[in-house]
N, C-alpha and C. Protein backbone atom coordinates (compact mmCIF):
# COMPACT_ATOMS: atom_id res chain seq x y z
N MET A 1 98.42 93.34 84.38
CA MET A 1 96.37 92.67 85.88
C MET A 1 96.91 91.52 86.43
N ASN A 2 97.46 91.38 87.37
CA ASN A 2 97.75 90.47 88.44
C ASN A 2 96.09 89.51 89.11
N ILE A 3 96.35 87.87 89.34
CA ILE A 3 94.92 87.73 89.44
C ILE A 3 95.21 86.51 90.64
N ASP A 4 95.30 86.81 91.92
CA ASP A 4 95.82 85.28 92.10
C ASP A 4 94.87 84.75 92.56
N LEU A 5 95.29 83.27 91.98
CA LEU A 5 94.50 82.55 92.51
C LEU A 5 94.66 81.65 93.47
N SER A 6 96.31 82.27 95.06
CA SER A 6 96.20 81.40 95.84
C SER A 6 94.74 80.48 96.32
N LYS A 7 94.20 81.58 96.91
CA LYS A 7 92.70 81.09 97.82
C LYS A 7 91.77 80.32 97.33
N ILE A 8 91.58 80.32 95.67
CA ILE A 8 90.89 79.57 95.56
C ILE A 8 91.03 78.04 95.45
N THR A 9 89.04 77.66 96.33
CA THR A 9 89.44 76.32 96.78
C THR A 9 87.79 75.42 95.83
N THR A 10 86.73 76.33 95.06
CA THR A 10 85.78 75.69 94.56
C THR A 10 86.09 76.82 93.39
N GLU A 11 85.55 75.72 91.75
CA GLU A 11 85.33 76.22 91.00
C GLU A 11 84.73 77.54 90.77
N ARG A 12 83.74 77.79 91.70
CA ARG A 12 83.07 78.80 91.61
C ARG A 12 83.34 79.81 91.85
N GLU A 13 84.11 79.68 93.25
CA GLU A 13 85.55 80.78 93.14
C GLU A 13 86.53 80.72 92.87
N LEU A 14 86.94 80.75 91.94
CA LEU A 14 87.75 80.49 90.42
C LEU A 14 87.02 81.55 89.33
N HIS A 15 85.39 81.16 89.27
CA HIS A 15 84.12 81.24 88.34
C HIS A 15 84.20 83.18 88.59
N GLU A 16 83.48 83.45 89.58
CA GLU A 16 83.60 84.61 89.61
C GLU A 16 84.23 85.57 90.65
N LEU A 17 85.96 85.20 90.82
CA LEU A 17 87.08 86.02 90.65
C LEU A 17 87.47 86.41 89.14
N LEU A 18 87.30 85.46 87.90
CA LEU A 18 87.82 85.69 87.04
C LEU A 18 86.76 86.61 85.91
N ALA A 19 85.47 86.62 87.02
CA ALA A 19 84.43 86.94 85.94
C ALA A 19 84.66 89.31 87.47
N ARG A 20 85.04 89.02 87.94
CA ARG A 20 85.27 90.06 88.49
C ARG A 20 86.70 90.96 88.18
N CYS A 21 87.20 90.18 87.72
CA CYS A 21 88.78 90.85 87.52
C CYS A 21 88.89 90.87 85.74
N LEU A 22 88.45 90.20 85.32
CA LEU A 22 87.97 90.10 83.44
C LEU A 22 86.75 91.30 83.10
N SER A 23 85.97 92.10 84.49
CA SER A 23 84.91 92.53 83.99
C SER A 23 83.78 91.78 82.64
N PHE A 24 83.70 90.25 82.93
CA PHE A 24 82.36 89.66 82.12
C PHE A 24 81.03 90.37 82.78
N PRO A 25 80.31 90.36 82.17
CA PRO A 25 79.31 90.53 81.91
C PRO A 25 78.33 90.00 82.38
N SER A 26 76.96 90.87 83.40
CA SER A 26 76.30 90.29 84.06
C SER A 26 75.59 89.16 84.28
N PHE A 27 75.13 88.69 82.54
CA PHE A 27 75.32 86.90 82.07
C PHE A 27 76.10 86.35 82.06
N TYR A 28 77.41 86.31 82.65
CA TYR A 28 78.52 85.08 82.48
C TYR A 28 77.11 84.21 83.11
N GLY A 29 77.92 83.17 83.06
CA GLY A 29 77.36 81.52 83.07
C GLY A 29 78.46 81.27 84.20
N GLN A 30 79.32 81.22 84.75
CA GLN A 30 80.92 80.37 84.91
C GLN A 30 80.93 79.26 84.45
N ASN A 31 80.76 79.12 83.33
CA ASN A 31 81.40 77.67 82.85
C ASN A 31 82.41 78.33 81.41
N TRP A 32 82.49 76.52 81.74
CA TRP A 32 84.56 77.29 80.61
C TRP A 32 83.69 77.52 79.51
N ASP A 33 82.32 77.05 78.92
CA ASP A 33 81.85 77.52 77.62
C ASP A 33 81.52 79.01 77.64
N ALA A 34 80.69 79.63 78.64
CA ALA A 34 80.62 80.57 79.01
C ALA A 34 82.18 81.34 79.17
N PHE A 35 83.24 81.68 79.56
CA PHE A 35 84.41 81.58 79.63
C PHE A 35 85.19 81.54 79.13
N TRP A 36 85.08 80.77 77.90
CA TRP A 36 86.15 80.92 76.33
C TRP A 36 85.29 81.75 75.49
N ASP A 37 83.20 81.88 75.75
CA ASP A 37 82.97 83.42 74.80
C ASP A 37 83.46 84.46 75.73
N SER A 38 83.53 84.55 76.62
CA SER A 38 83.27 86.15 77.38
C SER A 38 85.06 86.16 76.97
N ILE A 39 86.12 85.24 77.05
CA ILE A 39 87.27 85.69 76.41
C ILE A 39 88.00 85.90 74.72
N SER A 40 86.99 85.49 74.12
CA SER A 40 86.97 85.24 72.80
C SER A 40 86.43 86.91 71.92
N ASP A 41 85.34 86.90 73.08
CA ASP A 41 84.28 87.85 72.01
C ASP A 41 84.29 88.96 72.96
N LEU A 42 83.55 88.93 73.85
CA LEU A 42 82.37 89.71 74.70
C LEU A 42 83.65 90.92 75.27
N VAL A 43 84.78 90.20 76.25
CA VAL A 43 84.93 91.83 76.81
C VAL A 43 86.86 91.78 75.80
N SER A 44 86.80 92.81 76.28
CA SER A 44 88.39 93.59 76.29
C SER A 44 89.31 92.94 77.39
N LEU A 45 90.56 92.25 77.06
CA LEU A 45 91.18 91.60 77.51
C LEU A 45 92.24 92.26 77.73
N PRO A 46 93.05 92.59 78.71
CA PRO A 46 95.14 93.31 79.40
C PRO A 46 96.33 92.97 78.22
N GLU A 47 96.47 93.28 78.21
CA GLU A 47 97.96 92.93 77.64
C GLU A 47 98.73 92.06 78.21
N LYS A 48 98.62 91.88 79.12
CA LYS A 48 99.36 91.12 80.44
C LYS A 48 98.16 90.44 81.06
N ILE A 49 98.19 89.07 81.98
CA ILE A 49 97.20 89.14 82.90
C ILE A 49 98.93 87.98 83.43
N ILE A 50 99.16 88.59 85.19
CA ILE A 50 99.71 87.23 86.09
C ILE A 50 98.83 86.89 86.51
N PHE A 51 98.28 84.96 86.38
CA PHE A 51 97.83 84.32 87.48
C PHE A 51 99.12 83.69 88.86
N THR A 52 99.05 84.47 89.63
CA THR A 52 99.79 83.99 90.43
C THR A 52 99.55 83.01 91.82
N GLY A 53 99.50 82.17 92.88
CA GLY A 53 99.16 81.52 93.18
C GLY A 53 99.14 80.33 92.10
N SER A 54 99.26 80.34 91.12
CA SER A 54 98.96 79.32 90.10
C SER A 54 99.07 77.40 90.30
N SER A 55 100.60 77.10 91.14
CA SER A 55 100.27 75.55 91.54
C SER A 55 99.79 75.58 92.89
N ALA A 56 99.14 76.37 93.85
CA ALA A 56 98.10 76.45 94.78
C ALA A 56 96.33 75.95 94.27
N LEU A 57 96.16 76.26 92.60
CA LEU A 57 94.72 75.94 92.37
C LEU A 57 94.92 74.79 91.94
N LYS A 58 96.54 74.60 90.81
CA LYS A 58 96.38 73.21 90.81
C LYS A 58 96.47 71.94 91.08
N ASP A 59 97.00 72.28 92.61
CA ASP A 59 97.36 71.31 93.91
C ASP A 59 95.35 71.11 94.19
N ARG A 60 94.54 71.78 94.13
CA ARG A 60 93.45 71.83 95.04
C ARG A 60 92.30 71.55 94.02
N LEU A 61 92.49 72.32 92.91
CA LEU A 61 92.27 71.70 91.55
C LEU A 61 92.60 71.98 90.36
N PRO A 62 93.08 70.15 89.91
CA PRO A 62 93.55 70.56 88.93
C PRO A 62 93.04 70.24 87.72
N SER A 63 92.49 69.70 87.63
CA SER A 63 90.89 69.70 86.38
C SER A 63 90.53 71.41 86.40
N SER A 64 90.14 72.28 87.15
CA SER A 64 89.93 73.68 87.18
C SER A 64 90.68 74.54 86.30
N TYR A 65 92.22 74.26 86.87
CA TYR A 65 93.77 75.17 86.47
C TYR A 65 93.35 74.12 85.32
N GLU A 66 94.00 73.20 84.60
CA GLU A 66 93.74 73.21 83.19
C GLU A 66 93.11 73.76 82.10
N GLN A 67 91.36 73.64 82.56
CA GLN A 67 90.68 74.25 81.85
C GLN A 67 90.92 75.23 81.27
N LEU A 68 91.38 76.06 82.87
CA LEU A 68 92.26 77.67 82.02
C LEU A 68 92.73 77.95 81.78
N LYS A 69 93.74 77.33 81.69
CA LYS A 69 95.12 76.85 80.99
C LYS A 69 94.93 77.05 79.57
N ASN A 70 94.37 75.59 79.32
CA ASN A 70 93.88 75.55 77.87
C ASN A 70 93.26 76.52 76.80
N CYS A 71 92.20 76.72 77.92
CA CYS A 71 91.70 78.33 77.18
C CYS A 71 92.39 79.39 76.79
N PHE A 72 93.16 79.30 76.89
CA PHE A 72 94.21 81.07 77.12
C PHE A 72 95.01 80.56 76.17
N ASN A 73 95.64 79.21 75.94
CA ASN A 73 96.28 78.71 74.77
C ASN A 73 95.34 77.81 73.26
N GLU A 74 94.63 78.17 74.31
CA GLU A 74 93.44 77.61 72.63
C GLU A 74 93.17 79.74 72.58
N LEU A 75 93.05 80.38 73.15
CA LEU A 75 92.83 82.07 72.56
C LEU A 75 94.27 82.63 72.09
N ALA A 76 95.30 82.05 72.15
CA ALA A 76 96.21 82.00 71.37
C ALA A 76 96.88 81.72 70.25
N GLU A 77 95.81 80.41 69.58
CA GLU A 77 96.30 79.44 68.52
C GLU A 77 95.11 80.27 68.11
N GLU A 78 93.62 80.52 68.25
CA GLU A 78 92.81 80.45 67.85
C GLU A 78 92.77 82.11 67.05
N ARG A 79 93.04 83.04 68.37
CA ARG A 79 92.74 84.38 67.96
C ARG A 79 93.56 85.20 68.54
N PRO A 80 94.80 85.09 67.19
CA PRO A 80 95.59 85.57 67.46
C PRO A 80 95.51 87.60 67.26
N ASP A 81 94.90 87.81 66.82
CA ASP A 81 94.40 89.17 66.82
C ASP A 81 94.27 89.68 68.94
N ILE A 82 94.22 89.36 69.28
CA ILE A 82 93.92 89.19 70.78
C ILE A 82 95.01 89.29 71.28
N ASN A 83 95.14 90.01 71.64
CA ASN A 83 97.24 90.20 72.32
C ASN A 83 97.05 90.13 73.64
N CYS A 84 96.84 89.54 74.42
CA CYS A 84 97.28 88.85 75.88
C CYS A 84 98.19 88.12 76.39
N ALA A 85 99.27 88.23 77.54
CA ALA A 85 100.65 87.58 77.15
C ALA A 85 99.70 87.01 78.98
N VAL A 86 99.64 85.90 79.13
CA VAL A 86 99.53 85.40 80.10
C VAL A 86 101.20 84.51 80.81
N TYR A 87 101.34 84.85 81.84
CA TYR A 87 102.53 84.39 82.92
C TYR A 87 101.72 83.50 83.98
N TRP A 88 102.03 82.14 84.32
CA TRP A 88 101.35 81.33 85.45
C TRP A 88 102.74 81.50 86.71
N GLU A 89 102.80 81.80 88.19
CA GLU A 89 103.25 82.35 88.54
C GLU A 89 103.11 80.98 89.82
């Protein structure tokens, strides 16, 4: 799965994009705690996610970029049973 981050300018846009692409439930709270809950327990993630435009997101929203990256790093450590490789381009 490819997720293009190059046009994201707000954290709200980022959460909306992630929710749509990853099929989060309708009650998704659009915050990082809800994001963690969704990726770790509520949805089935694809085997591979390629985040394109990640450098643009890092430039525009460095804190959101770090939060997103940290969530997937933590997922790999805490939930090795969830097989989802993440690439940043």
